[in-house]
Amino acid sequence: MKSGLGGHYIPEIGNYLLGDQYRSDSKTVCTEAYLYAKTLNITGQDLWVFDIDETTLSNLKYYADHGFGVEPYNAAAFNAWVDLGEAPALQESLKLYNKLVSLGVKIVLLTGRPLKRL
């Protein structure tokens, strides 16, 4: 299978991310996380931490366009992608987020992105 700029071959990770298994795994993990959260005695001081990239937002389009790791990492290219603000929410993570909020859990979003990129 080929994808991205210049028709790069997609390595195994690309096949996983583009296939049904990734979505299935995401659903399973988020379901289990919610079932766990429901067992907690939630207080006003409880927090749930979500990472941004590849946990709440998908950079799949960026990685597909850059060969899923076939090309060396290019911080300037990735930052240009981030600046577009087009990374969609991962649907299962969004569902989990909403369910946690309905339980009264406060959400913290954590990122390694520079402040300039927020």
PDB file of N, CA and C in Angstrom:
ATOM      1  N   MET A   1       0.845  -1.173   0.000  1.00  0.00           N
ATOM      2  CA  MET A   1       0.000   0.000   0.000  1.00  0.00           C
ATOM      3  C   MET A   1       0.893   1.240   0.000  1.00  0.00           C
ATOM      4  N   LYS A   2       0.493   2.262  -0.762  1.00  0.00           N
ATOM      5  CA  LYS A   2       1.250   3.507  -0.807  1.00  0.00           C
ATOM      6  C   LYS A   2       0.356   4.660  -0.365  1.00  0.00           C
ATOM      7  N   SER A   3       0.972   5.685   0.176  1.00  0.00           N
ATOM      8  CA  SER A   3       0.243   6.866   0.612  1.00  0.00           C
ATOM      9  C   SER A   3       1.218   8.017   0.758  1.00  0.00           C
ATOM     10  N   GLY A   4       0.682   9.188   0.980  1.00  0.00           N
ATOM     11  CA  GLY A   4       1.506  10.334   1.318  1.00  0.00           C
ATOM     12  C   GLY A   4       2.200  10.961   0.124  1.00  0.00           C
ATOM     13  N   LEU A   5       2.962  11.964   0.410  1.00  0.00           N
ATOM     14  CA  LEU A   5       3.698  12.688  -0.613  1.00  0.00           C
ATOM     15  C   LEU A   5       4.687  11.764  -1.283  1.00  0.00           C
ATOM     16  N   GLY A   6       4.660  11.688  -2.577  1.00  0.00           N
ATOM     17  CA  GLY A   6       5.605  10.854  -3.304  1.00  0.00           C
ATOM     18  C   GLY A   6       5.246   9.386  -3.324  1.00  0.00           C
ATOM     19  N   GLY A   7       4.080   9.010  -2.823  1.00  0.00           N
ATOM     20  CA  GLY A   7       3.648   7.622  -2.859  1.00  0.00           C
ATOM     21  C   GLY A   7       4.522   6.683  -2.063  1.00  0.00           C
ATOM     22  N   HIS A   8       4.844   7.044  -0.827  1.00  0.00           N
ATOM     23  CA  HIS A   8       5.656   6.190   0.031  1.00  0.00           C
ATOM     24  C   HIS A   8       4.913   4.902   0.373  1.00  0.00           C
ATOM     25  N   TYR A   9       5.671   3.845   0.564  1.00  0.00           N
ATOM     26  CA  TYR A   9       5.082   2.625   1.095  1.00  0.00           C
ATOM     27  C   TYR A   9       4.710   2.857   2.550  1.00  0.00           C
ATOM     28  N   ILE A  10       3.565   2.333   2.953  1.00  0.00           N
ATOM     29  CA  ILE A  10       3.108   2.503   4.323  1.00  0.00           C
ATOM     30  C   ILE A  10       3.680   1.371   5.172  1.00  0.00           C
ATOM     31  N   PRO A  11       4.444   1.717   6.201  1.00  0.00           N
ATOM     32  CA  PRO A  11       4.947   0.668   7.090  1.00  0.00           C
ATOM     33  C   PRO A  11       3.807   0.071   7.923  1.00  0.00           C
ATOM     34  N   GLU A  12       4.098  -0.953   8.652  1.00  0.00           N
ATOM     35  CA  GLU A  12       3.088  -1.667   9.429  1.00  0.00           C
ATOM     36  C   GLU A  12       2.246  -0.737  10.303  1.00  0.00           C
ATOM     37  N   ILE A  13       2.853   0.244  10.951  1.00  0.00           N
ATOM     38  CA  ILE A  13       2.096   1.152  11.809  1.00  0.00           C
ATOM     39  C   ILE A  13       1.038   1.903  11.011  1.00  0.00           C
ATOM     40  N   GLY A  14       1.335   2.257   9.791  1.00  0.00           N
ATOM     41  CA  GLY A  14       0.355   2.937   8.950  1.00  0.00           C
ATOM     42  C   GLY A  14      -0.833   2.049   8.641  1.00  0.00           C
ATOM     43  N   ASN A  15      -0.566   0.789   8.362  1.00  0.00           N
ATOM     44  CA  ASN A  15      -1.664  -0.145   8.104  1.00  0.00           C
ATOM     45  C   ASN A  15      -2.559  -0.286   9.330  1.00  0.00           C
ATOM     46  N   TYR A  16      -1.942  -0.317  10.508  1.00  0.00           N
ATOM     47  CA  TYR A  16      -2.709  -0.395  11.755  1.00  0.00           C
ATOM     48  C   TYR A  16      -3.582   0.852  11.935  1.00  0.00           C
ATOM     49  N   LEU A  17      -2.988   2.028  11.771  1.00  0.00           N
ATOM     50  CA  LEU A  17      -3.735   3.271  11.988  1.00  0.00           C
ATOM     51  C   LEU A  17      -4.863   3.469  10.988  1.00  0.00           C
ATOM     52  N   LEU A  18      -4.670   2.989   9.767  1.00  0.00           N
ATOM     53  CA  LEU A  18      -5.697   3.139   8.736  1.00  0.00           C
ATOM     54  C   LEU A  18      -6.745   2.032   8.777  1.00  0.00           C
ATOM     55  N   GLY A  19      -6.467   0.971   9.487  1.00  0.00           N
ATOM     56  CA  GLY A  19      -7.361  -0.176   9.509  1.00  0.00           C
ATOM     57  C   GLY A  19      -8.396  -0.118  10.616  1.00  0.00           C
ATOM     58  N   ASP A  20      -9.235  -1.124  10.643  1.00  0.00           N
ATOM     59  CA  ASP A  20     -10.307  -1.208  11.637  1.00  0.00           C
ATOM     60  C   ASP A  20      -9.793  -1.500  13.042  1.00  0.00           C
ATOM     61  N   GLN A  21      -8.638  -2.160  13.158  1.00  0.00           N
ATOM     62  CA  GLN A  21      -8.152  -2.571  14.471  1.00  0.00           C
ATOM     63  C   GLN A  21      -7.862  -1.372  15.373  1.00  0.00           C
ATOM     64  N   TYR A  22      -7.314  -0.295  14.816  1.00  0.00           N
ATOM     65  CA  TYR A  22      -7.008   0.904  15.606  1.00  0.00           C
ATOM     66  C   TYR A  22      -8.280   1.466  16.237  1.00  0.00           C
ATOM     67  N   ARG A  23      -9.333   1.590  15.433  1.00  0.00           N
ATOM     68  CA  ARG A  23     -10.594   2.117  15.955  1.00  0.00           C
ATOM     69  C   ARG A  23     -11.190   1.172  16.990  1.00  0.00           C
ATOM     70  N   SER A  24     -11.083  -0.119  16.734  1.00  0.00           N
ATOM     71  CA  SER A  24     -11.584  -1.104  17.690  1.00  0.00           C
ATOM     72  C   SER A  24     -10.817  -1.035  19.010  1.00  0.00           C
ATOM     73  N   ASP A  25      -9.504  -0.917  18.927  1.00  0.00           N
ATOM     74  CA  ASP A  25      -8.687  -0.815  20.139  1.00  0.00           C
ATOM     75  C   ASP A  25      -9.015   0.459  20.914  1.00  0.00           C
ATOM     76  N   SER A  26      -9.206   1.557  20.201  1.00  0.00           N
ATOM     77  CA  SER A  26      -9.549   2.822  20.844  1.00  0.00           C
ATOM     78  C   SER A  26     -10.879   2.698  21.586  1.00  0.00           C
ATOM     79  N   LYS A  27     -11.846   2.078  20.952  1.00  0.00           N
ATOM     80  CA  LYS A  27     -13.156   1.894  21.584  1.00  0.00           C
ATOM     81  C   LYS A  27     -13.034   1.028  22.836  1.00  0.00           C
ATOM     82  N   THR A  28     -12.268  -0.046  22.746  1.00  0.00           N
ATOM     83  CA  THR A  28     -12.089  -0.938  23.889  1.00  0.00           C
ATOM     84  C   THR A  28     -11.439  -0.220  25.060  1.00  0.00           C
ATOM     85  N   VAL A  29     -10.370   0.512  24.788  1.00  0.00           N
ATOM     86  CA  VAL A  29      -9.653   1.219  25.851  1.00  0.00           C
ATOM     87  C   VAL A  29     -10.553   2.273  26.501  1.00  0.00           C
ATOM     88  N   CYS A  30     -11.278   3.021  25.695  1.00  0.00           N
ATOM     89  CA  CYS A  30     -12.139   4.074  26.240  1.00  0.00           C
ATOM     90  C   CYS A  30     -13.318   3.490  27.017  1.00  0.00           C
ATOM     91  N   THR A  31     -13.850   2.385  26.556  1.00  0.00           N
ATOM     92  CA  THR A  31     -14.930   1.719  27.284  1.00  0.00           C
ATOM     93  C   THR A  31     -14.443   1.244  28.644  1.00  0.00           C
ATOM     94  N   GLU A  32     -13.280   0.603  28.666  1.00  0.00           N
ATOM     95  CA  GLU A  32     -12.721   0.124  29.932  1.00  0.00           C
ATOM     96  C   GLU A  32     -12.411   1.288  30.877  1.00  0.00           C
ATOM     97  N   ALA A  33     -11.909   2.391  30.340  1.00  0.00           N
ATOM     98  CA  ALA A  33     -11.610   3.559  31.167  1.00  0.00           C
ATOM     99  C   ALA A  33     -12.891   4.108  31.793  1.00  0.00           C
ATOM    100  N   TYR A  34     -13.957   4.166  31.023  1.00  0.00           N
ATOM    101  CA  TYR A  34     -15.232   4.660  31.557  1.00  0.00           C
ATOM    102  C   TYR A  34     -15.775   3.715  32.629  1.00  0.00           C
ATOM    103  N   LEU A  35     -15.721   2.408  32.361  1.00  0.00           N
ATOM    104  CA  LEU A  35     -16.203   1.443  33.354  1.00  0.00           C
ATOM    105  C   LEU A  35     -15.417   1.580  34.659  1.00  0.00           C
ATOM    106  N   TYR A  36     -14.116   1.821  34.549  1.00  0.00           N
ATOM    107  CA  TYR A  36     -13.298   2.063  35.739  1.00  0.00           C
ATOM    108  C   TYR A  36     -13.740   3.348  36.438  1.00  0.00           C
ATOM    109  N   ALA A  37     -13.914   4.407  35.688  1.00  0.00           N
ATOM    110  CA  ALA A  37     -14.291   5.703  36.273  1.00  0.00           C
ATOM    111  C   ALA A  37     -15.609   5.600  37.034  1.00  0.00           C
ATOM    112  N   LYS A  38     -16.519   4.796  36.537  1.00  0.00           N
ATOM    113  CA  LYS A  38     -17.816   4.635  37.209  1.00  0.00           C
ATOM    114  C   LYS A  38     -17.682   3.973  38.574  1.00  0.00           C
ATOM    115  N   THR A  39     -16.590   3.272  38.822  1.00  0.00           N
ATOM    116  CA  THR A  39     -16.399   2.621  40.124  1.00  0.00           C
ATOM    117  C   THR A  39     -15.812   3.569  41.162  1.00  0.00           C
ATOM    118  N   LEU A  40     -15.380   4.738  40.746  1.00  0.00           N
ATOM    119  CA  LEU A  40     -14.721   5.678  41.646  1.00  0.00           C
ATOM    120  C   LEU A  40     -15.735   6.497  42.429  1.00  0.00           C
ATOM    121  N   ASN A  41     -15.342   6.901  43.623  1.00  0.00           N
ATOM    122  CA  ASN A  41     -16.141   7.822  44.413  1.00  0.00           C
ATOM    123  C   ASN A  41     -15.689   9.229  44.031  1.00  0.00           C
ATOM    124  N   ILE A  42     -16.337   9.803  43.023  1.00  0.00           N
ATOM    125  CA  ILE A  42     -15.917  11.088  42.444  1.00  0.00           C
ATOM    126  C   ILE A  42     -16.178  12.221  43.431  1.00  0.00           C
ATOM    127  N   THR A  43     -15.150  13.029  43.654  1.00  0.00           N
ATOM    128  CA  THR A  43     -15.291  14.233  44.463  1.00  0.00           C
ATOM    129  C   THR A  43     -14.965  15.428  43.579  1.00  0.00           C
ATOM    130  N   GLY A  44     -15.148  16.610  44.087  1.00  0.00           N
ATOM    131  CA  GLY A  44     -14.859  17.821  43.328  1.00  0.00           C
ATOM    132  C   GLY A  44     -13.384  18.029  43.059  1.00  0.00           C
ATOM    133  N   GLN A  45     -12.535  17.172  43.620  1.00  0.00           N
ATOM    134  CA  GLN A  45     -11.097  17.338  43.448  1.00  0.00           C
ATOM    135  C   GLN A  45     -10.498  16.320  42.483  1.00  0.00           C
ATOM    136  N   ASP A  46     -11.318  15.462  41.908  1.00  0.00           N
ATOM    137  CA  ASP A  46     -10.806  14.429  41.011  1.00  0.00           C
ATOM    138  C   ASP A  46     -10.520  14.993  39.625  1.00  0.00           C
ATOM    139  N   LEU A  47      -9.407  14.544  39.057  1.00  0.00           N
ATOM    140  CA  LEU A  47      -8.988  14.961  37.723  1.00  0.00           C
ATOM    141  C   LEU A  47      -8.762  13.741  36.849  1.00  0.00           C
ATOM    142  N   TRP A  48      -8.999  13.907  35.574  1.00  0.00           N
ATOM    143  CA  TRP A  48      -8.656  12.897  34.577  1.00  0.00           C
ATOM    144  C   TRP A  48      -7.773  13.598  33.567  1.00  0.00           C
ATOM    145  N   VAL A  49      -6.613  13.050  33.298  1.00  0.00           N
ATOM    146  CA  VAL A  49      -5.645  13.687  32.410  1.00  0.00           C
ATOM    147  C   VAL A  49      -5.675  13.016  31.040  1.00  0.00           C
ATOM    148  N   PHE A  50      -5.894  13.825  30.035  1.00  0.00           N
ATOM    149  CA  PHE A  50      -5.812  13.387  28.643  1.00  0.00           C
ATOM    150  C   PHE A  50      -4.600  14.058  28.005  1.00  0.00           C
ATOM    151  N   ASP A  51      -3.846  13.309  27.257  1.00  0.00           N
ATOM    152  CA  ASP A  51      -2.816  13.872  26.405  1.00  0.00           C
ATOM    153  C   ASP A  51      -3.513  14.414  25.158  1.00  0.00           C
ATOM    154  N   ILE A  52      -2.886  15.336  24.461  1.00  0.00           N
ATOM    155  CA  ILE A  52      -3.484  15.906  23.258  1.00  0.00           C
ATOM    156  C   ILE A  52      -3.225  15.028  22.036  1.00  0.00           C
ATOM    157  N   ASP A  53      -1.985  14.978  21.590  1.00  0.00           N
ATOM    158  CA  ASP A  53      -1.666  14.315  20.323  1.00  0.00           C
ATOM    159  C   ASP A  53      -1.774  12.798  20.420  1.00  0.00           C
ATOM    160  N   GLU A  54      -2.580  12.244  19.564  1.00  0.00           N
ATOM    161  CA  GLU A  54      -2.833  10.807  19.419  1.00  0.00           C
ATOM    162  C   GLU A  54      -3.595  10.201  20.597  1.00  0.00           C
ATOM    163  N   THR A  55      -4.102  11.051  21.488  1.00  0.00           N
ATOM    164  CA  THR A  55      -5.003  10.584  22.538  1.00  0.00           C
ATOM    165  C   THR A  55      -6.353  11.272  22.386  1.00  0.00           C
ATOM    166  N   THR A  56      -6.349  12.586  22.231  1.00  0.00           N
ATOM    167  CA  THR A  56      -7.606  13.295  22.008  1.00  0.00           C
ATOM    168  C   THR A  56      -7.705  13.845  20.580  1.00  0.00           C
ATOM    169  N   LEU A  57      -6.580  14.192  19.999  1.00  0.00           N
ATOM    170  CA  LEU A  57      -6.576  14.686  18.622  1.00  0.00           C
ATOM    171  C   LEU A  57      -5.779  13.734  17.733  1.00  0.00           C
ATOM    172  N   SER A  58      -6.248  13.555  16.513  1.00  0.00           N
ATOM    173  CA  SER A  58      -5.579  12.681  15.558  1.00  0.00           C
ATOM    174  C   SER A  58      -4.736  13.484  14.582  1.00  0.00           C
ATOM    175  N   ASN A  59      -3.491  13.091  14.460  1.00  0.00           N
ATOM    176  CA  ASN A  59      -2.600  13.669  13.457  1.00  0.00           C
ATOM    177  C   ASN A  59      -2.407  12.698  12.299  1.00  0.00           C
ATOM    178  N   LEU A  60      -3.375  11.827  12.102  1.00  0.00           N
ATOM    179  CA  LEU A  60      -3.287  10.786  11.087  1.00  0.00           C
ATOM    180  C   LEU A  60      -3.022  11.355   9.701  1.00  0.00           C
ATOM    181  N   LYS A  61      -3.692  12.440   9.353  1.00  0.00           N
ATOM    182  CA  LYS A  61      -3.477  13.032   8.030  1.00  0.00           C
ATOM    183  C   LYS A  61      -2.024  13.476   7.864  1.00  0.00           C
ATOM    184  N   TYR A  62      -1.475  14.101   8.887  1.00  0.00           N
ATOM    185  CA  TYR A  62      -0.067  14.516   8.817  1.00  0.00           C
ATOM    186  C   TYR A  62       0.838  13.301   8.611  1.00  0.00           C
ATOM    187  N   TYR A  63       0.647  12.284   9.422  1.00  0.00           N
ATOM    188  CA  TYR A  63       1.516  11.104   9.326  1.00  0.00           C
ATOM    189  C   TYR A  63       1.331  10.377   8.000  1.00  0.00           C
ATOM    190  N   ALA A  64       0.110  10.319   7.491  1.00  0.00           N
ATOM    191  CA  ALA A  64      -0.122   9.690   6.183  1.00  0.00           C
ATOM    192  C   ALA A  64       0.602  10.470   5.092  1.00  0.00           C
ATOM    193  N   ASP A  65       0.530  11.795   5.173  1.00  0.00           N
ATOM    194  CA  ASP A  65       1.196  12.627   4.166  1.00  0.00           C
ATOM    195  C   ASP A  65       2.723  12.533   4.238  1.00  0.00           C
ATOM    196  N   HIS A  66       3.225  12.056   5.369  1.00  0.00           N
ATOM    197  CA  HIS A  66       4.676  11.978   5.558  1.00  0.00           C
ATOM    198  C   HIS A  66       5.156  10.536   5.746  1.00  0.00           C
ATOM    199  N   GLY A  67       4.389   9.598   5.231  1.00  0.00           N
ATOM    200  CA  GLY A  67       4.857   8.216   5.144  1.00  0.00           C
ATOM    201  C   GLY A  67       4.888   7.433   6.430  1.00  0.00           C
ATOM    202  N   PHE A  68       4.160   7.856   7.448  1.00  0.00           N
ATOM    203  CA  PHE A  68       4.097   7.117   8.714  1.00  0.00           C
ATOM    204  C   PHE A  68       5.482   6.778   9.259  1.00  0.00           C
ATOM    205  N   GLY A  69       6.354   7.746   9.264  1.00  0.00           N
ATOM    206  CA  GLY A  69       7.681   7.523   9.830  1.00  0.00           C
ATOM    207  C   GLY A  69       8.744   7.148   8.821  1.00  0.00           C
ATOM    208  N   VAL A  70       8.366   6.989   7.552  1.00  0.00           N
ATOM    209  CA  VAL A  70       9.358   6.694   6.523  1.00  0.00           C
ATOM    210  C   VAL A  70      10.278   7.902   6.349  1.00  0.00           C
ATOM    211  N   GLU A  71       9.677   9.091   6.366  1.00  0.00           N
ATOM    212  CA  GLU A  71      10.475  10.319   6.303  1.00  0.00           C
ATOM    213  C   GLU A  71      11.003  10.641   7.699  1.00  0.00           C
ATOM    214  N   PRO A  72      12.195  11.200   7.800  1.00  0.00           N
ATOM    215  CA  PRO A  72      12.681  11.647   9.110  1.00  0.00           C
ATOM    216  C   PRO A  72      11.736  12.709   9.690  1.00  0.00           C
ATOM    217  N   TYR A  73      11.598  12.717  11.014  1.00  0.00           N
ATOM    218  CA  TYR A  73      10.743  13.704  11.670  1.00  0.00           C
ATOM    219  C   TYR A  73      11.223  15.100  11.325  1.00  0.00           C
ATOM    220  N   ASN A  74      10.281  15.973  11.002  1.00  0.00           N
ATOM    221  CA  ASN A  74      10.575  17.351  10.642  1.00  0.00           C
ATOM    222  C   ASN A  74       9.714  18.241  11.533  1.00  0.00           C
ATOM    223  N   ALA A  75      10.312  18.820  12.561  1.00  0.00           N
ATOM    224  CA  ALA A  75       9.565  19.626  13.528  1.00  0.00           C
ATOM    225  C   ALA A  75       8.850  20.797  12.856  1.00  0.00           C
ATOM    226  N   ALA A  76       9.494  21.443  11.895  1.00  0.00           N
ATOM    227  CA  ALA A  76       8.869  22.581  11.221  1.00  0.00           C
ATOM    228  C   ALA A  76       7.619  22.140  10.462  1.00  0.00           C
ATOM    229  N   ALA A  77       7.688  20.999   9.789  1.00  0.00           N
ATOM    230  CA  ALA A  77       6.525  20.502   9.047  1.00  0.00           C
ATOM    231  C   ALA A  77       5.402  20.111  10.007  1.00  0.00           C
ATOM    232  N   PHE A  78       5.752  19.451  11.118  1.00  0.00           N
ATOM    233  CA  PHE A  78       4.722  19.069  12.080  1.00  0.00           C
ATOM    234  C   PHE A  78       4.089  20.312  12.703  1.00  0.00           C
ATOM    235  N   ASN A  79       4.900  21.293  13.067  1.00  0.00           N
ATOM    236  CA  ASN A  79       4.360  22.526  13.657  1.00  0.00           C
ATOM    237  C   ASN A  79       3.469  23.272  12.667  1.00  0.00           C
ATOM    238  N   ALA A  80       3.821  23.239  11.386  1.00  0.00           N
ATOM    239  CA  ALA A  80       2.966  23.867  10.372  1.00  0.00           C
ATOM    240  C   ALA A  80       1.615  23.154  10.332  1.00  0.00           C
ATOM    241  N   TRP A  81       1.625  21.815  10.435  1.00  0.00           N
ATOM    242  CA  TRP A  81       0.374  21.047  10.484  1.00  0.00           C
ATOM    243  C   TRP A  81      -0.444  21.433  11.724  1.00  0.00           C
ATOM    244  N   VAL A  82       0.210  21.506  12.879  1.00  0.00           N
ATOM    245  CA  VAL A  82      -0.478  21.873  14.122  1.00  0.00           C
ATOM    246  C   VAL A  82      -1.113  23.250  13.976  1.00  0.00           C
ATOM    247  N   ASP A  83      -0.376  24.190  13.378  1.00  0.00           N
ATOM    248  CA  ASP A  83      -0.869  25.556  13.221  1.00  0.00           C
ATOM    249  C   ASP A  83      -2.120  25.642  12.346  1.00  0.00           C
ATOM    250  N   LEU A  84      -2.333  24.657  11.483  1.00  0.00           N
ATOM    251  CA  LEU A  84      -3.554  24.646  10.668  1.00  0.00           C
ATOM    252  C   LEU A  84      -4.802  24.440  11.523  1.00  0.00           C
ATOM    253  N   GLY A  85      -4.644  23.805  12.675  1.00  0.00           N
ATOM    254  CA  GLY A  85      -5.775  23.565  13.568  1.00  0.00           C
ATOM    255  C   GLY A  85      -6.805  22.605  12.988  1.00  0.00           C
ATOM    256  N   GLU A  86      -6.363  21.651  12.179  1.00  0.00           N
ATOM    257  CA  GLU A  86      -7.283  20.749  11.502  1.00  0.00           C
ATOM    258  C   GLU A  86      -7.298  19.333  12.074  1.00  0.00           C
ATOM    259  N   ALA A  87      -6.534  19.083  13.123  1.00  0.00           N
ATOM    260  CA  ALA A  87      -6.506  17.739  13.696  1.00  0.00           C
ATOM    261  C   ALA A  87      -7.865  17.439  14.323  1.00  0.00           C
ATOM    262  N   PRO A  88      -8.551  16.410  13.821  1.00  0.00           N
ATOM    263  CA  PRO A  88      -9.878  16.097  14.372  1.00  0.00           C
ATOM    264  C   PRO A  88      -9.772  15.360  15.704  1.00  0.00           C
ATOM    265  N   ALA A  89     -10.840  15.454  16.464  1.00  0.00           N
ATOM    266  CA  ALA A  89     -10.910  14.700  17.712  1.00  0.00           C
ATOM    267  C   ALA A  89     -11.002  13.218  17.404  1.00  0.00           C
ATOM    268  N   LEU A  90     -10.359  12.409  18.235  1.00  0.00           N
ATOM    269  CA  LEU A  90     -10.543  10.964  18.153  1.00  0.00           C
ATOM    270  C   LEU A  90     -11.909  10.673  18.777  1.00  0.00           C
ATOM    271  N   GLN A  91     -12.792  10.093  18.013  1.00  0.00           N
ATOM    272  CA  GLN A  91     -14.196   9.968  18.409  1.00  0.00           C
ATOM    273  C   GLN A  91     -14.404   9.209  19.718  1.00  0.00           C
ATOM    274  N   GLU A  92     -13.706   8.121  19.927  1.00  0.00           N
ATOM    275  CA  GLU A  92     -13.884   7.366  21.170  1.00  0.00           C
ATOM    276  C   GLU A  92     -13.379   8.160  22.364  1.00  0.00           C
ATOM    277  N   SER A  93     -12.292   8.902  22.188  1.00  0.00           N
ATOM    278  CA  SER A  93     -11.779   9.749  23.270  1.00  0.00           C
ATOM    279  C   SER A  93     -12.765  10.869  23.578  1.00  0.00           C
ATOM    280  N   LEU A  94     -13.384  11.429  22.554  1.00  0.00           N
ATOM    281  CA  LEU A  94     -14.388  12.475  22.765  1.00  0.00           C
ATOM    282  C   LEU A  94     -15.587  11.928  23.534  1.00  0.00           C
ATOM    283  N   LYS A  95     -16.013  10.722  23.184  1.00  0.00           N
ATOM    284  CA  LYS A  95     -17.121  10.095  23.928  1.00  0.00           C
ATOM    285  C   LYS A  95     -16.736   9.896  25.393  1.00  0.00           C
ATOM    286  N   LEU A  96     -15.509   9.394  25.618  1.00  0.00           N
ATOM    287  CA  LEU A  96     -15.045   9.201  26.988  1.00  0.00           C
ATOM    288  C   LEU A  96     -14.999  10.528  27.732  1.00  0.00           C
ATOM    289  N   TYR A  97     -14.472  11.546  27.100  1.00  0.00           N
ATOM    290  CA  TYR A  97     -14.414  12.890  27.700  1.00  0.00           C
ATOM    291  C   TYR A  97     -15.807  13.316  28.172  1.00  0.00           C
ATOM    292  N   ASN A  98     -16.792  13.219  27.283  1.00  0.00           N
ATOM    293  CA  ASN A  98     -18.152  13.643  27.623  1.00  0.00           C
ATOM    294  C   ASN A  98     -18.749  12.808  28.749  1.00  0.00           C
ATOM    295  N   LYS A  99     -18.496  11.513  28.745  1.00  0.00           N
ATOM    296  CA  LYS A  99     -19.007  10.647  29.810  1.00  0.00           C
ATOM    297  C   LYS A  99     -18.362  10.992  31.148  1.00  0.00           C
ATOM    298  N   LEU A 100     -17.063  11.266  31.137  1.00  0.00           N
ATOM    299  CA  LEU A 100     -16.377  11.628  32.375  1.00  0.00           C
ATOM    300  C   LEU A 100     -16.899  12.945  32.932  1.00  0.00           C
ATOM    301  N   VAL A 101     -17.116  13.909  32.060  1.00  0.00           N
ATOM    302  CA  VAL A 101     -17.670  15.193  32.495  1.00  0.00           C
ATOM    303  C   VAL A 101     -19.045  14.976  33.128  1.00  0.00           C
ATOM    304  N   SER A 102     -19.853  14.084  32.530  1.00  0.00           N
ATOM    305  CA  SER A 102     -21.185  13.816  33.086  1.00  0.00           C
ATOM    306  C   SER A 102     -21.113  13.156  34.467  1.00  0.00           C
ATOM    307  N   LEU A 103     -20.001  12.480  34.764  1.00  0.00           N
ATOM    308  CA  LEU A 103     -19.800  11.893  36.087  1.00  0.00           C
ATOM    309  C   LEU A 103     -19.298  12.917  37.098  1.00  0.00           C
ATOM    310  N   GLY A 104     -18.951  14.103  36.632  1.00  0.00           N
ATOM    311  CA  GLY A 104     -18.442  15.145  37.512  1.00  0.00           C
ATOM    312  C   GLY A 104     -16.927  15.199  37.609  1.00  0.00           C
ATOM    313  N   VAL A 105     -16.241  14.515  36.718  1.00  0.00           N
ATOM    314  CA  VAL A 105     -14.777  14.521  36.719  1.00  0.00           C
ATOM    315  C   VAL A 105     -14.279  15.779  36.008  1.00  0.00           C
ATOM    316  N   LYS A 106     -13.317  16.432  36.606  1.00  0.00           N
ATOM    317  CA  LYS A 106     -12.676  17.572  35.953  1.00  0.00           C
ATOM    318  C   LYS A 106     -11.617  17.040  35.002  1.00  0.00           C
ATOM    319  N   ILE A 107     -11.509  17.654  33.836  1.00  0.00           N
ATOM    320  CA  ILE A 107     -10.600  17.195  32.800  1.00  0.00           C
ATOM    321  C   ILE A 107      -9.397  18.133  32.690  1.00  0.00           C
ATOM    322  N   VAL A 108      -8.212  17.542  32.588  1.00  0.00           N
ATOM    323  CA  VAL A 108      -6.977  18.279  32.332  1.00  0.00           C
ATOM    324  C   VAL A 108      -6.439  17.780  31.002  1.00  0.00           C
ATOM    325  N   LEU A 109      -6.101  18.711  30.132  1.00  0.00           N
ATOM    326  CA  LEU A 109      -5.486  18.369  28.847  1.00  0.00           C
ATOM    327  C   LEU A 109      -3.998  18.689  28.945  1.00  0.00           C
ATOM    328  N   LEU A 110      -3.187  17.683  28.646  1.00  0.00           N
ATOM    329  CA  LEU A 110      -1.737  17.796  28.764  1.00  0.00           C
ATOM    330  C   LEU A 110      -1.126  17.690  27.377  1.00  0.00           C
ATOM    331  N   THR A 111      -0.120  18.507  27.108  1.00  0.00           N
ATOM    332  CA  THR A 111       0.524  18.447  25.805  1.00  0.00           C
ATOM    333  C   THR A 111       1.998  18.775  25.895  1.00  0.00           C
ATOM    334  N   GLY A 112       2.734  18.264  24.966  1.00  0.00           N
ATOM    335  CA  GLY A 112       4.136  18.620  24.829  1.00  0.00           C
ATOM    336  C   GLY A 112       4.332  19.725  23.804  1.00  0.00           C
ATOM    337  N   ARG A 113       3.224  20.203  23.235  1.00  0.00           N
ATOM    338  CA  ARG A 113       3.320  21.281  22.240  1.00  0.00           C
ATOM    339  C   ARG A 113       3.814  22.552  22.913  1.00  0.00           C
ATOM    340  N   PRO A 114       4.640  23.315  22.214  1.00  0.00           N
ATOM    341  CA  PRO A 114       5.081  24.609  22.763  1.00  0.00           C
ATOM    342  C   PRO A 114       3.868  25.537  22.949  1.00  0.00           C
ATOM    343  N   LEU A 115       3.957  26.425  23.918  1.00  0.00           N
ATOM    344  CA  LEU A 115       2.866  27.350  24.211  1.00  0.00           C
ATOM    345  C   LEU A 115       2.404  28.088  22.959  1.00  0.00           C
ATOM    346  N   LYS A 116       3.322  28.419  22.098  1.00  0.00           N
ATOM    347  CA  LYS A 116       3.006  29.115  20.849  1.00  0.00           C
ATOM    348  C   LYS A 116       1.972  28.319  20.015  1.00  0.00           C
ATOM    349  N   ARG A 117       1.955  27.001  20.150  1.00  0.00           N
ATOM    350  CA  ARG A 117       1.107  26.137  19.333  1.00  0.00           C
ATOM    351  C   ARG A 117      -0.267  25.908  19.935  1.00  0.00           C
ATOM    352  N   LEU A 118      -0.545  26.448  21.122  1.00  0.00           N
ATOM    353  CA  LEU A 118      -1.837  26.204  21.784  1.00  0.00           C
ATOM    354  C   LEU A 118      -2.876  27.204  21.401  1.00  0.00           C
TER     355      LEU A 118
END
